PDB file of all heavy atoms in Angstrom:
ATOM      1  N   GLY A   1       5.547 -21.843   5.436  1.00  0.00           N
ATOM      2  CA  GLY A   1       5.945 -20.618   6.117  1.00  0.00           C
ATOM      3  C   GLY A   1       6.158 -19.474   5.149  1.00  0.00           C
ATOM      4  O   GLY A   1       6.552 -19.679   3.997  1.00  0.00           O
ATOM      5  N   VAL A   2       5.894 -18.277   5.613  1.00  0.00           N
ATOM      6  CA  VAL A   2       6.154 -17.077   4.819  1.00  0.00           C
ATOM      7  C   VAL A   2       7.664 -16.878   4.733  1.00  0.00           C
ATOM      8  O   VAL A   2       8.380 -17.018   5.736  1.00  0.00           O
ATOM      9  CB  VAL A   2       5.481 -15.848   5.461  1.00  0.00           C
ATOM     10  CG1 VAL A   2       5.848 -14.574   4.695  1.00  0.00           C
ATOM     11  CG2 VAL A   2       3.977 -16.031   5.498  1.00  0.00           C
ATOM     12  N   ARG A   3       8.146 -16.585   3.560  1.00  0.00           N
ATOM     13  CA  ARG A   3       9.595 -16.420   3.378  1.00  0.00           C
ATOM     14  C   ARG A   3      10.120 -15.280   4.238  1.00  0.00           C
ATOM     15  O   ARG A   3       9.544 -14.187   4.269  1.00  0.00           O
ATOM     16  CB  ARG A   3       9.902 -16.140   1.906  1.00  0.00           C
ATOM     17  CG  ARG A   3      11.396 -16.064   1.606  1.00  0.00           C
ATOM     18  CD  ARG A   3      11.653 -15.823   0.132  1.00  0.00           C
ATOM     19  NE  ARG A   3      13.065 -15.672  -0.140  1.00  0.00           N
ATOM     20  CZ  ARG A   3      13.574 -15.364  -1.327  1.00  0.00           C
ATOM     21  NH1 ARG A   3      12.753 -15.181  -2.358  1.00  0.00           N
ATOM     22  NH2 ARG A   3      14.877 -15.236  -1.501  1.00  0.00           N
ATOM     23  N   TYR A   4      11.213 -15.563   4.940  1.00  0.00           N
ATOM     24  CA  TYR A   4      11.796 -14.544   5.813  1.00  0.00           C
ATOM     25  C   TYR A   4      12.941 -13.827   5.113  1.00  0.00           C
ATOM     26  O   TYR A   4      13.801 -14.452   4.496  1.00  0.00           O
ATOM     27  CB  TYR A   4      12.321 -15.179   7.106  1.00  0.00           C
ATOM     28  CG  TYR A   4      13.147 -14.212   7.928  1.00  0.00           C
ATOM     29  CD1 TYR A   4      12.526 -13.165   8.607  1.00  0.00           C
ATOM     30  CD2 TYR A   4      14.533 -14.317   7.978  1.00  0.00           C
ATOM     31  CE1 TYR A   4      13.284 -12.259   9.328  1.00  0.00           C
ATOM     32  CE2 TYR A   4      15.290 -13.414   8.703  1.00  0.00           C
ATOM     33  CZ  TYR A   4      14.655 -12.385   9.369  1.00  0.00           C
ATOM     34  OH  TYR A   4      15.399 -11.482  10.074  1.00  0.00           O
ATOM     35  N   ARG A   5      12.919 -12.492   5.205  1.00  0.00           N
ATOM     36  CA  ARG A   5      14.020 -11.682   4.692  1.00  0.00           C
ATOM     37  C   ARG A   5      14.447 -10.716   5.792  1.00  0.00           C
ATOM     38  O   ARG A   5      13.592 -10.079   6.421  1.00  0.00           O
ATOM     39  CB  ARG A   5      13.595 -10.863   3.459  1.00  0.00           C
ATOM     40  CG  ARG A   5      13.179 -11.684   2.255  1.00  0.00           C
ATOM     41  CD  ARG A   5      12.804 -10.756   1.094  1.00  0.00           C
ATOM     42  NE  ARG A   5      12.395 -11.494  -0.094  1.00  0.00           N
ATOM     43  CZ  ARG A   5      11.145 -11.896  -0.309  1.00  0.00           C
ATOM     44  NH1 ARG A   5      10.202 -11.645   0.588  1.00  0.00           N
ATOM     45  NH2 ARG A   5      10.850 -12.568  -1.404  1.00  0.00           N
ATOM     46  N   PRO A   6      15.752 -10.597   6.051  1.00  0.00           N
ATOM     47  CA  PRO A   6      16.210  -9.640   7.062  1.00  0.00           C
ATOM     48  C   PRO A   6      15.820  -8.215   6.679  1.00  0.00           C
ATOM     49  O   PRO A   6      16.166  -7.748   5.601  1.00  0.00           O
ATOM     50  CB  PRO A   6      17.737  -9.814   7.044  1.00  0.00           C
ATOM     51  CG  PRO A   6      17.969 -11.166   6.459  1.00  0.00           C
ATOM     52  CD  PRO A   6      16.857 -11.376   5.475  1.00  0.00           C
ATOM     53  N   ARG A   7      15.088  -7.548   7.547  1.00  0.00           N
ATOM     54  CA  ARG A   7      14.678  -6.163   7.295  1.00  0.00           C
ATOM     55  C   ARG A   7      14.173  -5.574   8.598  1.00  0.00           C
ATOM     56  O   ARG A   7      13.971  -6.278   9.581  1.00  0.00           O
ATOM     57  CB  ARG A   7      13.594  -6.104   6.221  1.00  0.00           C
ATOM     58  CG  ARG A   7      12.395  -6.996   6.503  1.00  0.00           C
ATOM     59  CD  ARG A   7      11.508  -7.120   5.290  1.00  0.00           C
ATOM     60  NE  ARG A   7      10.481  -8.123   5.465  1.00  0.00           N
ATOM     61  CZ  ARG A   7       9.685  -8.548   4.509  1.00  0.00           C
ATOM     62  NH1 ARG A   7       9.786  -8.033   3.293  1.00  0.00           N
ATOM     63  NH2 ARG A   7       8.783  -9.461   4.727  1.00  0.00           N
ATOM     64  N   SER A   8      13.951  -4.273   8.602  1.00  0.00           N
ATOM     65  CA  SER A   8      13.507  -3.592   9.810  1.00  0.00           C
ATOM     66  C   SER A   8      12.077  -3.976  10.152  1.00  0.00           C
ATOM     67  O   SER A   8      11.310  -4.425   9.296  1.00  0.00           O
ATOM     68  CB  SER A   8      13.598  -2.076   9.618  1.00  0.00           C
ATOM     69  OG  SER A   8      12.646  -1.650   8.651  1.00  0.00           O
ATOM     70  N   THR A   9      11.720  -3.769  11.420  1.00  0.00           N
ATOM     71  CA  THR A   9      10.372  -4.090  11.880  1.00  0.00           C
ATOM     72  C   THR A   9       9.327  -3.255  11.146  1.00  0.00           C
ATOM     73  O   THR A   9       8.262  -3.762  10.764  1.00  0.00           O
ATOM     74  CB  THR A   9      10.267  -3.846  13.399  1.00  0.00           C
ATOM     75  OG1 THR A   9      11.268  -4.633  14.056  1.00  0.00           O
ATOM     76  CG2 THR A   9       8.903  -4.250  13.919  1.00  0.00           C
ATOM     77  N   ALA A  10       9.631  -1.973  10.932  1.00  0.00           N
ATOM     78  CA  ALA A  10       8.680  -1.089  10.248  1.00  0.00           C
ATOM     79  C   ALA A  10       8.436  -1.552   8.814  1.00  0.00           C
ATOM     80  O   ALA A  10       7.298  -1.574   8.340  1.00  0.00           O
ATOM     81  CB  ALA A  10       9.208   0.349  10.264  1.00  0.00           C
ATOM     82  N   HIS A  11       9.505  -1.965   8.142  1.00  0.00           N
ATOM     83  CA  HIS A  11       9.365  -2.437   6.762  1.00  0.00           C
ATOM     84  C   HIS A  11       8.568  -3.737   6.721  1.00  0.00           C
ATOM     85  O   HIS A  11       7.717  -3.936   5.838  1.00  0.00           O
ATOM     86  CB  HIS A  11      10.749  -2.640   6.148  1.00  0.00           C
ATOM     87  CG  HIS A  11      10.714  -2.971   4.682  1.00  0.00           C
ATOM     88  ND1 HIS A  11      10.551  -4.273   4.220  1.00  0.00           N
ATOM     89  CD2 HIS A  11      10.811  -2.187   3.573  1.00  0.00           C
ATOM     90  CE1 HIS A  11      10.559  -4.273   2.907  1.00  0.00           C
ATOM     91  NE2 HIS A  11      10.714  -3.023   2.478  1.00  0.00           N
ATOM     92  N   ALA A  12       8.830  -4.635   7.674  1.00  0.00           N
ATOM     93  CA  ALA A  12       8.095  -5.904   7.729  1.00  0.00           C
ATOM     94  C   ALA A  12       6.605  -5.664   7.981  1.00  0.00           C
ATOM     95  O   ALA A  12       5.748  -6.331   7.399  1.00  0.00           O
ATOM     96  CB  ALA A  12       8.681  -6.796   8.823  1.00  0.00           C
ATOM     97  N   LEU A  13       6.292  -4.675   8.844  1.00  0.00           N
ATOM     98  CA  LEU A  13       4.894  -4.363   9.142  1.00  0.00           C
ATOM     99  C   LEU A  13       4.186  -3.808   7.908  1.00  0.00           C
ATOM    100  O   LEU A  13       3.046  -4.192   7.605  1.00  0.00           O
ATOM    101  CB  LEU A  13       4.821  -3.358  10.296  1.00  0.00           C
ATOM    102  CG  LEU A  13       3.419  -2.913  10.721  1.00  0.00           C
ATOM    103  CD1 LEU A  13       2.592  -4.114  11.178  1.00  0.00           C
ATOM    104  CD2 LEU A  13       3.492  -1.857  11.806  1.00  0.00           C
ATOM    105  N   ARG A  14       4.861  -2.916   7.182  1.00  0.00           N
ATOM    106  CA  ARG A  14       4.258  -2.357   5.974  1.00  0.00           C
ATOM    107  C   ARG A  14       3.987  -3.450   4.943  1.00  0.00           C
ATOM    108  O   ARG A  14       2.918  -3.488   4.328  1.00  0.00           O
ATOM    109  CB  ARG A  14       5.179  -1.285   5.372  1.00  0.00           C
ATOM    110  CG  ARG A  14       5.191   0.030   6.109  1.00  0.00           C
ATOM    111  CD  ARG A  14       5.809   1.133   5.261  1.00  0.00           C
ATOM    112  NE  ARG A  14       7.168   0.795   4.846  1.00  0.00           N
ATOM    113  CZ  ARG A  14       8.248   1.106   5.552  1.00  0.00           C
ATOM    114  NH1 ARG A  14       8.125   1.744   6.702  1.00  0.00           N
ATOM    115  NH2 ARG A  14       9.455   0.785   5.113  1.00  0.00           N
ATOM    116  N   THR A  15       4.948  -4.338   4.774  1.00  0.00           N
ATOM    117  CA  THR A  15       4.779  -5.437   3.816  1.00  0.00           C
ATOM    118  C   THR A  15       3.630  -6.344   4.233  1.00  0.00           C
ATOM    119  O   THR A  15       2.820  -6.778   3.399  1.00  0.00           O
ATOM    120  CB  THR A  15       6.081  -6.247   3.710  1.00  0.00           C
ATOM    121  OG1 THR A  15       7.141  -5.379   3.330  1.00  0.00           O
ATOM    122  CG2 THR A  15       5.941  -7.365   2.693  1.00  0.00           C
ATOM    123  N   ASN A  16       3.548  -6.629   5.518  1.00  0.00           N
ATOM    124  CA  ASN A  16       2.487  -7.493   6.043  1.00  0.00           C
ATOM    125  C   ASN A  16       1.111  -6.895   5.763  1.00  0.00           C
ATOM    126  O   ASN A  16       0.192  -7.575   5.293  1.00  0.00           O
ATOM    127  CB  ASN A  16       2.698  -7.698   7.544  1.00  0.00           C
ATOM    128  CG  ASN A  16       1.737  -8.707   8.131  1.00  0.00           C
ATOM    129  OD1 ASN A  16       1.347  -9.663   7.477  1.00  0.00           O
ATOM    130  ND2 ASN A  16       1.352  -8.496   9.373  1.00  0.00           N
ATOM    131  N   LEU A  17       0.973  -5.602   6.049  1.00  0.00           N
ATOM    132  CA  LEU A  17      -0.322  -4.942   5.843  1.00  0.00           C
ATOM    133  C   LEU A  17      -0.665  -4.836   4.361  1.00  0.00           C
ATOM    134  O   LEU A  17      -1.823  -5.012   3.968  1.00  0.00           O
ATOM    135  CB  LEU A  17      -0.299  -3.549   6.479  1.00  0.00           C
ATOM    136  CG  LEU A  17      -0.236  -3.514   8.016  1.00  0.00           C
ATOM    137  CD1 LEU A  17      -0.106  -2.081   8.511  1.00  0.00           C
ATOM    138  CD2 LEU A  17      -1.475  -4.157   8.621  1.00  0.00           C
ATOM    139  N   LEU A  18       0.350  -4.568   3.541  1.00  0.00           N
ATOM    140  CA  LEU A  18       0.099  -4.395   2.114  1.00  0.00           C
ATOM    141  C   LEU A  18      -0.254  -5.721   1.440  1.00  0.00           C
ATOM    142  O   LEU A  18      -1.231  -5.807   0.691  1.00  0.00           O
ATOM    143  CB  LEU A  18       1.341  -3.782   1.440  1.00  0.00           C
ATOM    144  CG  LEU A  18       1.239  -3.522  -0.066  1.00  0.00           C
ATOM    145  CD1 LEU A  18       0.154  -2.484  -0.343  1.00  0.00           C
ATOM    146  CD2 LEU A  18       2.580  -3.049  -0.624  1.00  0.00           C
ATOM    147  N   VAL A  19       0.525  -6.777   1.745  1.00  0.00           N
ATOM    148  CA  VAL A  19       0.329  -8.060   1.066  1.00  0.00           C
ATOM    149  C   VAL A  19      -0.826  -8.839   1.680  1.00  0.00           C
ATOM    150  O   VAL A  19      -1.769  -9.246   0.984  1.00  0.00           O
ATOM    151  CB  VAL A  19       1.625  -8.898   1.104  1.00  0.00           C
ATOM    152  CG1 VAL A  19       1.385 -10.280   0.488  1.00  0.00           C
ATOM    153  CG2 VAL A  19       2.750  -8.176   0.366  1.00  0.00           C
ATOM    154  N   TYR A  20      -0.779  -9.040   2.997  1.00  0.00           N
ATOM    155  CA  TYR A  20      -1.763  -9.916   3.634  1.00  0.00           C
ATOM    156  C   TYR A  20      -2.988  -9.154   4.139  1.00  0.00           C
ATOM    157  O   TYR A  20      -4.078  -9.714   4.188  1.00  0.00           O
ATOM    158  CB  TYR A  20      -1.101 -10.696   4.776  1.00  0.00           C
ATOM    159  CG  TYR A  20      -0.039 -11.622   4.255  1.00  0.00           C
ATOM    160  CD1 TYR A  20       1.312 -11.250   4.269  1.00  0.00           C
ATOM    161  CD2 TYR A  20      -0.384 -12.843   3.703  1.00  0.00           C
ATOM    162  CE1 TYR A  20       2.287 -12.087   3.758  1.00  0.00           C
ATOM    163  CE2 TYR A  20       0.598 -13.694   3.185  1.00  0.00           C
ATOM    164  CZ  TYR A  20       1.929 -13.305   3.222  1.00  0.00           C
ATOM    165  OH  TYR A  20       2.887 -14.135   2.707  1.00  0.00           O
ATOM    166  N   GLY A  21      -2.817  -7.887   4.494  1.00  0.00           N
ATOM    167  CA  GLY A  21      -3.975  -7.095   4.894  1.00  0.00           C
ATOM    168  C   GLY A  21      -4.835  -6.737   3.695  1.00  0.00           C
ATOM    169  O   GLY A  21      -6.032  -7.056   3.638  1.00  0.00           O
ATOM    170  N   LEU A  22      -4.201  -6.102   2.695  1.00  0.00           N
ATOM    171  CA  LEU A  22      -4.934  -5.727   1.486  1.00  0.00           C
ATOM    172  C   LEU A  22      -5.379  -6.974   0.714  1.00  0.00           C
ATOM    173  O   LEU A  22      -6.510  -7.035   0.197  1.00  0.00           O
ATOM    174  CB  LEU A  22      -4.047  -4.839   0.601  1.00  0.00           C
ATOM    175  CG  LEU A  22      -4.713  -4.223  -0.634  1.00  0.00           C
ATOM    176  CD1 LEU A  22      -5.906  -3.357  -0.217  1.00  0.00           C
ATOM    177  CD2 LEU A  22      -3.703  -3.395  -1.430  1.00  0.00           C
ATOM    178  N   GLY A  23      -4.501  -7.983   0.679  1.00  0.00           N
ATOM    179  CA  GLY A  23      -4.868  -9.227   0.003  1.00  0.00           C
ATOM    180  C   GLY A  23      -6.038  -9.908   0.677  1.00  0.00           C
ATOM    181  O   GLY A  23      -6.916 -10.473   0.011  1.00  0.00           O
ATOM    182  N   GLY A  24      -6.077  -9.851   2.006  1.00  0.00           N
ATOM    183  CA  GLY A  24      -7.189 -10.433   2.738  1.00  0.00           C
ATOM    184  C   GLY A  24      -8.496  -9.713   2.496  1.00  0.00           C
ATOM    185  O   GLY A  24      -9.581 -10.312   2.618  1.00  0.00           O
TER     186      GLY A  24
END
């Protein structure tokens, strides 16, 4: 599982796109 950290939805979306979108 991807490590979970408490944070806002907007921040989680940005991280997702940056790490897994750009990484993909």
